[in-house]
Amino acid sequence: MDNQTIKWLRKLIDDNRMIPFYKSKEWRKIRLEALKRDNYECQECKRKGKYSRAQNVHHIKEVKLYPEKALELNNLESICIVCHNKEHNRFGTYGNKNKIKQFANFDSKECW
């Protein structure tokens, strides 16, 4: 990746605006290469002896920490939505810890 692209990506990271990167021609191209390389199979499920179709491409080394690796094929792996959400801890509350508190004392018995 050239210096200008890295500089642009760092600016997006600083501004917390990653959508332009994920819509870029360069990302869409390398993403498709990763999916094809991995035969559209989730690599995380595959390591566990399971099969799931991959819809996402995950950065092994996080873009925010390693922007220079954002478009390197060897830093990408195809994974399913479930594994991608697990990888980024997006399950259950989707970032809203108040939802856990809201149901902490919930009694599932019906009250009539």
PDB file of N, CA and C in Angstrom:
ATOM      1  N   MET A   1       0.858  -1.175   0.000  1.00  0.00           N
ATOM      2  CA  MET A   1       0.000   0.000   0.000  1.00  0.00           C
ATOM      3  C   MET A   1       0.902   1.235   0.000  1.00  0.00           C
ATOM      4  N   ASP A   2       0.561   2.209  -0.800  1.00  0.00           N
ATOM      5  CA  ASP A   2       1.392   3.407  -0.892  1.00  0.00           C
ATOM      6  C   ASP A   2       1.146   4.344   0.300  1.00  0.00           C
ATOM      7  N   ASN A   3       2.079   5.268   0.492  1.00  0.00           N
ATOM      8  CA  ASN A   3       2.022   6.183   1.641  1.00  0.00           C
ATOM      9  C   ASN A   3       0.779   7.063   1.651  1.00  0.00           C
ATOM     10  N   GLN A   4       0.336   7.467   0.481  1.00  0.00           N
ATOM     11  CA  GLN A   4      -0.851   8.326   0.395  1.00  0.00           C
ATOM     12  C   GLN A   4      -2.094   7.571   0.890  1.00  0.00           C
ATOM     13  N   THR A   5      -2.208   6.309   0.512  1.00  0.00           N
ATOM     14  CA  THR A   5      -3.351   5.499   0.949  1.00  0.00           C
ATOM     15  C   THR A   5      -3.303   5.271   2.456  1.00  0.00           C
ATOM     16  N   ILE A   6      -2.119   5.010   2.980  1.00  0.00           N
ATOM     17  CA  ILE A   6      -1.971   4.820   4.431  1.00  0.00           C
ATOM     18  C   ILE A   6      -2.352   6.098   5.167  1.00  0.00           C
ATOM     19  N   LYS A   7      -1.908   7.235   4.650  1.00  0.00           N
ATOM     20  CA  LYS A   7      -2.235   8.526   5.265  1.00  0.00           C
ATOM     21  C   LYS A   7      -3.750   8.747   5.259  1.00  0.00           C
ATOM     22  N   TRP A   8      -4.401   8.455   4.132  1.00  0.00           N
ATOM     23  CA  TRP A   8      -5.864   8.581   4.012  1.00  0.00           C
ATOM     24  C   TRP A   8      -6.562   7.670   5.014  1.00  0.00           C
ATOM     25  N   LEU A   9      -6.086   6.439   5.123  1.00  0.00           N
ATOM     26  CA  LEU A   9      -6.695   5.480   6.038  1.00  0.00           C
ATOM     27  C   LEU A   9      -6.508   5.906   7.495  1.00  0.00           C
ATOM     28  N   ARG A  10      -5.337   6.403   7.835  1.00  0.00           N
ATOM     29  CA  ARG A  10      -5.114   6.893   9.208  1.00  0.00           C
ATOM     30  C   ARG A  10      -6.048   8.052   9.544  1.00  0.00           C
ATOM     31  N   LYS A  11      -6.286   8.907   8.572  1.00  0.00           N
ATOM     32  CA  LYS A  11      -7.214  10.030   8.773  1.00  0.00           C
ATOM     33  C   LYS A  11      -8.626   9.501   9.021  1.00  0.00           C
ATOM     34  N   LEU A  12      -9.054   8.505   8.255  1.00  0.00           N
ATOM     35  CA  LEU A  12     -10.371   7.898   8.474  1.00  0.00           C
ATOM     36  C   LEU A  12     -10.463   7.279   9.866  1.00  0.00           C
ATOM     37  N   ILE A  13      -9.401   6.615  10.282  1.00  0.00           N
ATOM     38  CA  ILE A  13      -9.365   6.000  11.615  1.00  0.00           C
ATOM     39  C   ILE A  13      -9.481   7.078  12.684  1.00  0.00           C
ATOM     40  N   ASP A  14      -8.686   8.138  12.550  1.00  0.00           N
ATOM     41  CA  ASP A  14      -8.718   9.239  13.523  1.00  0.00           C
ATOM     42  C   ASP A  14     -10.093   9.888  13.608  1.00  0.00           C
ATOM     43  N   ASP A  15     -10.770   9.977  12.464  1.00  0.00           N
ATOM     44  CA  ASP A  15     -12.101  10.600  12.415  1.00  0.00           C
ATOM     45  C   ASP A  15     -13.231   9.607  12.697  1.00  0.00           C
ATOM     46  N   ASN A  16     -12.854   8.356  12.962  1.00  0.00           N
ATOM     47  CA  ASN A  16     -13.824   7.284  13.211  1.00  0.00           C
ATOM     48  C   ASN A  16     -14.833   7.172  12.055  1.00  0.00           C
ATOM     49  N   ARG A  17     -14.292   7.200  10.833  1.00  0.00           N
ATOM     50  CA  ARG A  17     -15.122   7.136   9.620  1.00  0.00           C
ATOM     51  C   ARG A  17     -14.570   6.062   8.683  1.00  0.00           C
ATOM     52  N   MET A  18     -14.789   4.808   9.009  1.00  0.00           N
ATOM     53  CA  MET A  18     -14.212   3.718   8.226  1.00  0.00           C
ATOM     54  C   MET A  18     -15.035   3.336   6.995  1.00  0.00           C
ATOM     55  N   ILE A  19     -16.267   3.794   6.905  1.00  0.00           N
ATOM     56  CA  ILE A  19     -17.128   3.402   5.788  1.00  0.00           C
ATOM     57  C   ILE A  19     -16.495   3.712   4.424  1.00  0.00           C
ATOM     58  N   PRO A  20     -15.889   4.887   4.215  1.00  0.00           N
ATOM     59  CA  PRO A  20     -15.265   5.129   2.902  1.00  0.00           C
ATOM     60  C   PRO A  20     -14.201   4.082   2.540  1.00  0.00           C
ATOM     61  N   PHE A  21     -13.466   3.603   3.529  1.00  0.00           N
ATOM     62  CA  PHE A  21     -12.475   2.551   3.250  1.00  0.00           C
ATOM     63  C   PHE A  21     -13.168   1.282   2.768  1.00  0.00           C
ATOM     64  N   TYR A  22     -14.211   0.862   3.493  1.00  0.00           N
ATOM     65  CA  TYR A  22     -14.892  -0.386   3.148  1.00  0.00           C
ATOM     66  C   TYR A  22     -15.716  -0.282   1.862  1.00  0.00           C
ATOM     67  N   LYS A  23     -15.920   0.921   1.370  1.00  0.00           N
ATOM     68  CA  LYS A  23     -16.591   1.107   0.078  1.00  0.00           C
ATOM     69  C   LYS A  23     -15.587   1.313  -1.057  1.00  0.00           C
ATOM     70  N   SER A  24     -14.318   1.405  -0.722  1.00  0.00           N
ATOM     71  CA  SER A  24     -13.301   1.689  -1.739  1.00  0.00           C
ATOM     72  C   SER A  24     -13.122   0.518  -2.707  1.00  0.00           C
ATOM     73  N   LYS A  25     -12.719   0.865  -3.907  1.00  0.00           N
ATOM     74  CA  LYS A  25     -12.468  -0.132  -4.955  1.00  0.00           C
ATOM     75  C   LYS A  25     -11.375  -1.107  -4.510  1.00  0.00           C
ATOM     76  N   GLU A  26     -10.347  -0.580  -3.859  1.00  0.00           N
ATOM     77  CA  GLU A  26      -9.226  -1.412  -3.412  1.00  0.00           C
ATOM     78  C   GLU A  26      -9.684  -2.460  -2.397  1.00  0.00           C
ATOM     79  N   TRP A  27     -10.513  -2.036  -1.421  1.00  0.00           N
ATOM     80  CA  TRP A  27     -10.997  -2.988  -0.413  1.00  0.00           C
ATOM     81  C   TRP A  27     -11.904  -4.041  -1.048  1.00  0.00           C
ATOM     82  N   ARG A  28     -12.826  -3.604  -1.887  1.00  0.00           N
ATOM     83  CA  ARG A  28     -13.755  -4.554  -2.509  1.00  0.00           C
ATOM     84  C   ARG A  28     -13.002  -5.596  -3.336  1.00  0.00           C
ATOM     85  N   LYS A  29     -11.936  -5.171  -3.992  1.00  0.00           N
ATOM     86  CA  LYS A  29     -11.141  -6.092  -4.811  1.00  0.00           C
ATOM     87  C   LYS A  29     -10.411  -7.117  -3.941  1.00  0.00           C
ATOM     88  N   ILE A  30      -9.712  -6.656  -2.909  1.00  0.00           N
ATOM     89  CA  ILE A  30      -8.935  -7.574  -2.063  1.00  0.00           C
ATOM     90  C   ILE A  30      -9.863  -8.471  -1.243  1.00  0.00           C
ATOM     91  N   ARG A  31     -11.017  -7.947  -0.869  1.00  0.00           N
ATOM     92  CA  ARG A  31     -12.013  -8.733  -0.138  1.00  0.00           C
ATOM     93  C   ARG A  31     -12.472  -9.920  -0.983  1.00  0.00           C
ATOM     94  N   LEU A  32     -12.768  -9.656  -2.243  1.00  0.00           N
ATOM     95  CA  LEU A  32     -13.194 -10.715  -3.156  1.00  0.00           C
ATOM     96  C   LEU A  32     -12.079 -11.745  -3.363  1.00  0.00           C
ATOM     97  N   GLU A  33     -10.838 -11.275  -3.458  1.00  0.00           N
ATOM     98  CA  GLU A  33      -9.693 -12.189  -3.588  1.00  0.00           C
ATOM     99  C   GLU A  33      -9.606 -13.121  -2.386  1.00  0.00           C
ATOM    100  N   ALA A  34      -9.811 -12.579  -1.179  1.00  0.00           N
ATOM    101  CA  ALA A  34      -9.752 -13.400   0.037  1.00  0.00           C
ATOM    102  C   ALA A  34     -10.870 -14.438   0.048  1.00  0.00           C
ATOM    103  N   LEU A  35     -12.076 -14.024  -0.303  1.00  0.00           N
ATOM    104  CA  LEU A  35     -13.201 -14.964  -0.343  1.00  0.00           C
ATOM    105  C   LEU A  35     -12.943 -16.087  -1.346  1.00  0.00           C
ATOM    106  N   LYS A  36     -12.436 -15.739  -2.519  1.00  0.00           N
ATOM    107  CA  LYS A  36     -12.135 -16.755  -3.537  1.00  0.00           C
ATOM    108  C   LYS A  36     -11.012 -17.679  -3.066  1.00  0.00           C
ATOM    109  N   ARG A  37      -9.970 -17.101  -2.495  1.00  0.00           N
ATOM    110  CA  ARG A  37      -8.843 -17.903  -2.000  1.00  0.00           C
ATOM    111  C   ARG A  37      -9.318 -18.939  -0.991  1.00  0.00           C
ATOM    112  N   ASP A  38     -10.251 -18.523  -0.131  1.00  0.00           N
ATOM    113  CA  ASP A  38     -10.749 -19.398   0.935  1.00  0.00           C
ATOM    114  C   ASP A  38     -11.986 -20.196   0.520  1.00  0.00           C
ATOM    115  N   ASN A  39     -12.306 -20.177  -0.775  1.00  0.00           N
ATOM    116  CA  ASN A  39     -13.466 -20.912  -1.302  1.00  0.00           C
ATOM    117  C   ASN A  39     -14.767 -20.552  -0.593  1.00  0.00           C
ATOM    118  N   TYR A  40     -14.874 -19.309  -0.176  1.00  0.00           N
ATOM    119  CA  TYR A  40     -16.076 -18.813   0.509  1.00  0.00           C
ATOM    120  C   TYR A  40     -16.402 -19.641   1.760  1.00  0.00           C
ATOM    121  N   GLU A  41     -15.379 -20.239   2.375  1.00  0.00           N
ATOM    122  CA  GLU A  41     -15.563 -21.029   3.594  1.00  0.00           C
ATOM    123  C   GLU A  41     -15.065 -20.242   4.792  1.00  0.00           C
ATOM    124  N   CYS A  42     -15.799 -20.314   5.886  1.00  0.00           N
ATOM    125  CA  CYS A  42     -15.364 -19.669   7.125  1.00  0.00           C
ATOM    126  C   CYS A  42     -14.127 -20.392   7.642  1.00  0.00           C
ATOM    127  N   GLN A  43     -13.042 -19.673   7.751  1.00  0.00           N
ATOM    128  CA  GLN A  43     -11.785 -20.270   8.186  1.00  0.00           C
ATOM    129  C   GLN A  43     -11.792 -20.618   9.676  1.00  0.00           C
ATOM    130  N   GLU A  44     -12.528 -19.870  10.463  1.00  0.00           N
ATOM    131  CA  GLU A  44     -12.633 -20.157  11.902  1.00  0.00           C
ATOM    132  C   GLU A  44     -13.416 -21.449  12.115  1.00  0.00           C
ATOM    133  N   CYS A  45     -14.551 -21.597  11.445  1.00  0.00           N
ATOM    134  CA  CYS A  45     -15.334 -22.838  11.544  1.00  0.00           C
ATOM    135  C   CYS A  45     -14.514 -24.015  11.025  1.00  0.00           C
ATOM    136  N   LYS A  46     -13.802 -23.802   9.943  1.00  0.00           N
ATOM    137  CA  LYS A  46     -12.986 -24.860   9.337  1.00  0.00           C
ATOM    138  C   LYS A  46     -11.943 -25.369  10.327  1.00  0.00           C
ATOM    139  N   ARG A  47     -11.340 -24.463  11.107  1.00  0.00           N
ATOM    140  CA  ARG A  47     -10.358 -24.876  12.116  1.00  0.00           C
ATOM    141  C   ARG A  47     -10.995 -25.761  13.180  1.00  0.00           C
ATOM    142  N   LYS A  48     -12.307 -25.620  13.358  1.00  0.00           N
ATOM    143  CA  LYS A  48     -13.044 -26.416  14.349  1.00  0.00           C
ATOM    144  C   LYS A  48     -13.678 -27.657  13.727  1.00  0.00           C
ATOM    145  N   GLY A  49     -13.382 -27.916  12.458  1.00  0.00           N
ATOM    146  CA  GLY A  49     -13.916 -29.084  11.779  1.00  0.00           C
ATOM    147  C   GLY A  49     -15.348 -28.930  11.298  1.00  0.00           C
ATOM    148  N   LYS A  50     -15.814 -27.694  11.189  1.00  0.00           N
ATOM    149  CA  LYS A  50     -17.181 -27.425  10.735  1.00  0.00           C
ATOM    150  C   LYS A  50     -17.133 -26.683   9.400  1.00  0.00           C
ATOM    151  N   TYR A  51     -18.295 -26.589   8.767  1.00  0.00           N
ATOM    152  CA  TYR A  51     -18.398 -25.803   7.544  1.00  0.00           C
ATOM    153  C   TYR A  51     -19.447 -24.717   7.723  1.00  0.00           C
ATOM    154  N   SER A  52     -19.085 -23.509   7.360  1.00  0.00           N
ATOM    155  CA  SER A  52     -20.021 -22.385   7.265  1.00  0.00           C
ATOM    156  C   SER A  52     -19.589 -21.545   6.077  1.00  0.00           C
ATOM    157  N   ARG A  53     -20.554 -21.009   5.390  1.00  0.00           N
ATOM    158  CA  ARG A  53     -20.254 -20.125   4.262  1.00  0.00           C
ATOM    159  C   ARG A  53     -19.798 -18.774   4.807  1.00  0.00           C
ATOM    160  N   ALA A  54     -18.701 -18.290   4.273  1.00  0.00           N
ATOM    161  CA  ALA A  54     -18.155 -16.997   4.690  1.00  0.00           C
ATOM    162  C   ALA A  54     -18.817 -15.877   3.910  1.00  0.00           C
ATOM    163  N   GLN A  55     -19.263 -14.861   4.636  1.00  0.00           N
ATOM    164  CA  GLN A  55     -19.785 -13.654   4.004  1.00  0.00           C
ATOM    165  C   GLN A  55     -18.910 -12.448   4.326  1.00  0.00           C
ATOM    166  N   ASN A  56     -18.104 -12.572   5.352  1.00  0.00           N
ATOM    167  CA  ASN A  56     -17.269 -11.459   5.799  1.00  0.00           C
ATOM    168  C   ASN A  56     -15.798 -11.778   5.582  1.00  0.00           C
ATOM    169  N   VAL A  57     -15.009 -10.729   5.496  1.00  0.00           N
ATOM    170  CA  VAL A  57     -13.560 -10.871   5.453  1.00  0.00           C
ATOM    171  C   VAL A  57     -13.015 -10.098   6.642  1.00  0.00           C
ATOM    172  N   HIS A  58     -12.253 -10.813   7.459  1.00  0.00           N
ATOM    173  CA  HIS A  58     -11.754 -10.282   8.727  1.00  0.00           C
ATOM    174  C   HIS A  58     -10.276  -9.921   8.611  1.00  0.00           C
ATOM    175  N   HIS A  59      -9.914  -8.770   9.181  1.00  0.00           N
ATOM    176  CA  HIS A  59      -8.508  -8.388   9.283  1.00  0.00           C
ATOM    177  C   HIS A  59      -7.913  -9.104  10.495  1.00  0.00           C
ATOM    178  N   ILE A  60      -6.922  -9.939  10.280  1.00  0.00           N
ATOM    179  CA  ILE A  60      -6.278 -10.664  11.375  1.00  0.00           C
ATOM    180  C   ILE A  60      -5.613  -9.664  12.312  1.00  0.00           C
ATOM    181  N   LYS A  61      -4.853  -8.749  11.737  1.00  0.00           N
ATOM    182  CA  LYS A  61      -4.295  -7.637  12.512  1.00  0.00           C
ATOM    183  C   LYS A  61      -5.198  -6.445  12.244  1.00  0.00           C
ATOM    184  N   GLU A  62      -5.792  -5.936  13.300  1.00  0.00           N
ATOM    185  CA  GLU A  62      -6.832  -4.911  13.214  1.00  0.00           C
ATOM    186  C   GLU A  62      -6.383  -3.665  12.446  1.00  0.00           C
ATOM    187  N   VAL A  63      -7.261  -3.175  11.603  1.00  0.00           N
ATOM    188  CA  VAL A  63      -6.974  -2.008  10.761  1.00  0.00           C
ATOM    189  C   VAL A  63      -6.569  -0.806  11.602  1.00  0.00           C
ATOM    190  N   LYS A  64      -7.256  -0.578  12.702  1.00  0.00           N
ATOM    191  CA  LYS A  64      -6.975   0.601  13.525  1.00  0.00           C
ATOM    192  C   LYS A  64      -5.568   0.568  14.112  1.00  0.00           C
ATOM    193  N   LEU A  65      -5.035  -0.628  14.334  1.00  0.00           N
ATOM    194  CA  LEU A  65      -3.687  -0.759  14.890  1.00  0.00           C
ATOM    195  C   LEU A  65      -2.618  -0.928  13.814  1.00  0.00           C
ATOM    196  N   TYR A  66      -2.999  -1.510  12.692  1.00  0.00           N
ATOM    197  CA  TYR A  66      -2.058  -1.792  11.606  1.00  0.00           C
ATOM    198  C   TYR A  66      -2.639  -1.353  10.258  1.00  0.00           C
ATOM    199  N   PRO A  67      -2.847  -0.060  10.056  1.00  0.00           N
ATOM    200  CA  PRO A  67      -3.458   0.393   8.795  1.00  0.00           C
ATOM    201  C   PRO A  67      -2.652   0.001   7.562  1.00  0.00           C
ATOM    202  N   GLU A  68      -1.346  -0.136   7.713  1.00  0.00           N
ATOM    203  CA  GLU A  68      -0.508  -0.503   6.572  1.00  0.00           C
ATOM    204  C   GLU A  68      -0.777  -1.929   6.080  1.00  0.00           C
ATOM    205  N   LYS A  69      -1.441  -2.750   6.896  1.00  0.00           N
ATOM    206  CA  LYS A  69      -1.763  -4.130   6.519  1.00  0.00           C
ATOM    207  C   LYS A  69      -3.212  -4.296   6.055  1.00  0.00           C
ATOM    208  N   ALA A  70      -3.943  -3.213   5.968  1.00  0.00           N
ATOM    209  CA  ALA A  70      -5.377  -3.268   5.668  1.00  0.00           C
ATOM    210  C   ALA A  70      -5.692  -3.904   4.323  1.00  0.00           C
ATOM    211  N   LEU A  71      -4.791  -3.781   3.369  1.00  0.00           N
ATOM    212  CA  LEU A  71      -5.041  -4.323   2.033  1.00  0.00           C
ATOM    213  C   LEU A  71      -4.082  -5.459   1.677  1.00  0.00           C
ATOM    214  N   GLU A  72      -3.520  -6.110   2.697  1.00  0.00           N
ATOM    215  CA  GLU A  72      -2.631  -7.249   2.462  1.00  0.00           C
ATOM    216  C   GLU A  72      -3.434  -8.540   2.547  1.00  0.00           C
ATOM    217  N   LEU A  73      -3.393  -9.314   1.495  1.00  0.00           N
ATOM    218  CA  LEU A  73      -4.162 -10.551   1.430  1.00  0.00           C
ATOM    219  C   LEU A  73      -3.807 -11.508   2.564  1.00  0.00           C
ATOM    220  N   ASN A  74      -2.527 -11.547   2.947  1.00  0.00           N
ATOM    221  CA  ASN A  74      -2.128 -12.464   4.023  1.00  0.00           C
ATOM    222  C   ASN A  74      -2.573 -11.992   5.406  1.00  0.00           C
ATOM    223  N   ASN A  75      -3.194 -10.832   5.496  1.00  0.00           N
ATOM    224  CA  ASN A  75      -3.755 -10.339   6.758  1.00  0.00           C
ATOM    225  C   ASN A  75      -5.279 -10.489   6.783  1.00  0.00           C
ATOM    226  N   LEU A  76      -5.817 -11.192   5.815  1.00  0.00           N
ATOM    227  CA  LEU A  76      -7.271 -11.333   5.706  1.00  0.00           C
ATOM    228  C   LEU A  76      -7.670 -12.793   5.765  1.00  0.00           C
ATOM    229  N   GLU A  77      -8.829 -13.043   6.378  1.00  0.00           N
ATOM    230  CA  GLU A  77      -9.402 -14.381   6.326  1.00  0.00           C
ATOM    231  C   GLU A  77     -10.906 -14.272   6.183  1.00  0.00           C
ATOM    232  N   SER A  78     -11.449 -15.187   5.420  1.00  0.00           N
ATOM    233  CA  SER A  78     -12.892 -15.232   5.199  1.00  0.00           C
ATOM    234  C   SER A  78     -13.540 -15.909   6.399  1.00  0.00           C
ATOM    235  N   ILE A  79     -14.580 -15.270   6.937  1.00  0.00           N
ATOM    236  CA  ILE A  79     -15.285 -15.867   8.068  1.00  0.00           C
ATOM    237  C   ILE A  79     -16.783 -15.595   7.963  1.00  0.00           C
ATOM    238  N   CYS A  80     -17.550 -16.438   8.645  1.00  0.00           N
ATOM    239  CA  CYS A  80     -19.005 -16.275   8.645  1.00  0.00           C
ATOM    240  C   CYS A  80     -19.393 -15.119   9.573  1.00  0.00           C
ATOM    241  N   ILE A  81     -20.622 -14.709   9.471  1.00  0.00           N
ATOM    242  CA  ILE A  81     -21.112 -13.585  10.277  1.00  0.00           C
ATOM    243  C   ILE A  81     -21.022 -13.901  11.766  1.00  0.00           C
ATOM    244  N   VAL A  82     -21.391 -15.128  12.149  1.00  0.00           N
ATOM    245  CA  VAL A  82     -21.360 -15.512  13.567  1.00  0.00           C
ATOM    246  C   VAL A  82     -19.941 -15.403  14.115  1.00  0.00           C
ATOM    247  N   CYS A  83     -18.972 -15.967  13.407  1.00  0.00           N
ATOM    248  CA  CYS A  83     -17.579 -15.908  13.873  1.00  0.00           C
ATOM    249  C   CYS A  83     -17.044 -14.479  13.870  1.00  0.00           C
ATOM    250  N   HIS A  84     -17.453 -13.678  12.904  1.00  0.00           N
ATOM    251  CA  HIS A  84     -16.995 -12.288  12.863  1.00  0.00           C
ATOM    252  C   HIS A  84     -17.543 -11.515  14.063  1.00  0.00           C
ATOM    253  N   ASN A  85     -18.799 -11.757  14.388  1.00  0.00           N
ATOM    254  CA  ASN A  85     -19.382 -11.102  15.563  1.00  0.00           C
ATOM    255  C   ASN A  85     -18.699 -11.560  16.844  1.00  0.00           C
ATOM    256  N   LYS A  86     -18.373 -12.841  16.942  1.00  0.00           N
ATOM    257  CA  LYS A  86     -17.639 -13.342  18.118  1.00  0.00           C
ATOM    258  C   LYS A  86     -16.266 -12.689  18.199  1.00  0.00           C
ATOM    259  N   GLU A  87     -15.597 -12.613  17.068  1.00  0.00           N
ATOM    260  CA  GLU A  87     -14.253 -12.032  17.018  1.00  0.00           C
ATOM    261  C   GLU A  87     -14.247 -10.593  17.530  1.00  0.00           C
ATOM    262  N   HIS A  88     -15.311  -9.861  17.235  1.00  0.00           N
ATOM    263  CA  HIS A  88     -15.402  -8.459  17.648  1.00  0.00           C
ATOM    264  C   HIS A  88     -16.314  -8.263  18.855  1.00  0.00           C
ATOM    265  N   ASN A  89     -16.646  -9.365  19.511  1.00  0.00           N
ATOM    266  CA  ASN A  89     -17.456  -9.326  20.742  1.00  0.00           C
ATOM    267  C   ASN A  89     -18.757  -8.555  20.532  1.00  0.00           C
ATOM    268  N   ARG A  90     -19.484  -8.903  19.477  1.00  0.00           N
ATOM    269  CA  ARG A  90     -20.719  -8.191  19.129  1.00  0.00           C
ATOM    270  C   ARG A  90     -21.979  -8.973  19.486  1.00  0.00           C
ATOM    271  N   PHE A  91     -21.866 -10.014  20.290  1.00  0.00           N
ATOM    272  CA  PHE A  91     -23.047 -10.821  20.587  1.00  0.00           C
ATOM    273  C   PHE A  91     -23.837 -10.289  21.761  1.00  0.00           C
ATOM    274  N   GLY A  92     -25.101 -10.641  21.779  1.00  0.00           N
ATOM    275  CA  GLY A  92     -25.975 -10.337  22.907  1.00  0.00           C
ATOM    276  C   GLY A  92     -26.406  -8.903  22.957  1.00  0.00           C
ATOM    277  N   THR A  93     -25.573  -8.053  23.477  1.00  0.00           N
ATOM    278  CA  THR A  93     -25.978  -6.678  23.738  1.00  0.00           C
ATOM    279  C   THR A  93     -25.617  -5.728  22.606  1.00  0.00           C
ATOM    280  N   TYR A  94     -24.837  -6.191  21.650  1.00  0.00           N
ATOM    281  CA  TYR A  94     -24.392  -5.320  20.557  1.00  0.00           C
ATOM    282  C   TYR A  94     -23.864  -3.989  21.097  1.00  0.00           C
ATOM    283  N   GLY A  95     -23.039  -4.095  22.117  1.00  0.00           N
ATOM    284  CA  GLY A  95     -22.400  -2.913  22.659  1.00  0.00           C
ATOM    285  C   GLY A  95     -23.215  -2.160  23.687  1.00  0.00           C
ATOM    286  N   ASN A  96     -24.396  -2.643  24.021  1.00  0.00           N
ATOM    287  CA  ASN A  96     -25.244  -1.942  24.979  1.00  0.00           C
ATOM    288  C   ASN A  96     -25.323  -2.738  26.275  1.00  0.00           C
ATOM    289  N   LYS A  97     -24.460  -2.428  27.228  1.00  0.00           N
ATOM    290  CA  LYS A  97     -24.412  -3.156  28.492  1.00  0.00           C
ATOM    291  C   LYS A  97     -25.667  -2.945  29.326  1.00  0.00           C
ATOM    292  N   ASN A  98     -26.418  -1.884  29.055  1.00  0.00           N
ATOM    293  CA  ASN A  98     -27.654  -1.638  29.799  1.00  0.00           C
ATOM    294  C   ASN A  98     -28.683  -2.729  29.559  1.00  0.00           C
ATOM    295  N   LYS A  99     -28.640  -3.372  28.398  1.00  0.00           N
ATOM    296  CA  LYS A  99     -29.584  -4.449  28.119  1.00  0.00           C
ATOM    297  C   LYS A  99     -29.366  -5.615  29.073  1.00  0.00           C
ATOM    298  N   ILE A 100     -28.127  -5.877  29.430  1.00  0.00           N
ATOM    299  CA  ILE A 100     -27.849  -6.948  30.389  1.00  0.00           C
ATOM    300  C   ILE A 100     -28.454  -6.587  31.732  1.00  0.00           C
ATOM    301  N   LYS A 101     -28.232  -5.373  32.193  1.00  0.00           N
ATOM    302  CA  LYS A 101     -28.782  -4.931  33.477  1.00  0.00           C
ATOM    303  C   LYS A 101     -30.305  -4.981  33.470  1.00  0.00           C
ATOM    304  N   GLN A 102     -30.897  -4.627  32.356  1.00  0.00           N
ATOM    305  CA  GLN A 102     -32.342  -4.580  32.241  1.00  0.00           C
ATOM    306  C   GLN A 102     -32.967  -5.946  32.520  1.00  0.00           C
ATOM    307  N   PHE A 103     -32.300  -7.027  32.128  1.00  0.00           N
ATOM    308  CA  PHE A 103     -32.853  -8.361  32.293  1.00  0.00           C
ATOM    309  C   PHE A 103     -32.183  -9.158  33.409  1.00  0.00           C
ATOM    310  N   ALA A 104     -31.327  -8.548  34.184  1.00  0.00           N
ATOM    311  CA  ALA A 104     -30.597  -9.256  35.230  1.00  0.00           C
ATOM    312  C   ALA A 104     -31.521  -9.889  36.260  1.00  0.00           C
ATOM    313  N   ASN A 105     -32.597  -9.237  36.626  1.00  0.00           N
ATOM    314  CA  ASN A 105     -33.517  -9.754  37.641  1.00  0.00           C
ATOM    315  C   ASN A 105     -34.826 -10.249  37.039  1.00  0.00           C
ATOM    316  N   PHE A 106     -34.810 -10.545  35.768  1.00  0.00           N
ATOM    317  CA  PHE A 106     -36.016 -10.982  35.080  1.00  0.00           C
ATOM    318  C   PHE A 106     -36.409 -12.377  35.552  1.00  0.00           C
ATOM    319  N   ASP A 107     -37.666 -12.542  35.914  1.00  0.00           N
ATOM    320  CA  ASP A 107     -38.196 -13.838  36.338  1.00  0.00           C
ATOM    321  C   ASP A 107     -39.024 -14.386  35.182  1.00  0.00           C
ATOM    322  N   SER A 108     -38.613 -15.515  34.650  1.00  0.00           N
ATOM    323  CA  SER A 108     -39.277 -16.054  33.466  1.00  0.00           C
ATOM    324  C   SER A 108     -40.589 -16.774  33.773  1.00  0.00           C
ATOM    325  N   LYS A 109     -40.931 -16.942  35.055  1.00  0.00           N
ATOM    326  CA  LYS A 109     -42.205 -17.584  35.410  1.00  0.00           C
ATOM    327  C   LYS A 109     -43.359 -16.657  35.050  1.00  0.00           C
ATOM    328  N   GLU A 110     -44.395 -17.252  34.511  1.00  0.00           N
ATOM    329  CA  GLU A 110     -45.568 -16.453  34.168  1.00  0.00           C
ATOM    330  C   GLU A 110     -46.301 -16.041  35.436  1.00  0.00           C
ATOM    331  N   CYS A 111     -46.756 -14.852  35.461  1.00  0.00           N
ATOM    332  CA  CYS A 111     -47.519 -14.348  36.607  1.00  0.00           C
ATOM    333  C   CYS A 111     -48.928 -14.030  36.139  1.00  0.00           C
ATOM    334  N   TRP A 112     -49.920 -14.745  36.667  1.00  0.00           N
ATOM    335  CA  TRP A 112     -51.316 -14.535  36.275  1.00  0.00           C
ATOM    336  C   TRP A 112     -52.110 -14.025  37.428  1.00  0.00           C
TER     337      TRP A 112
END
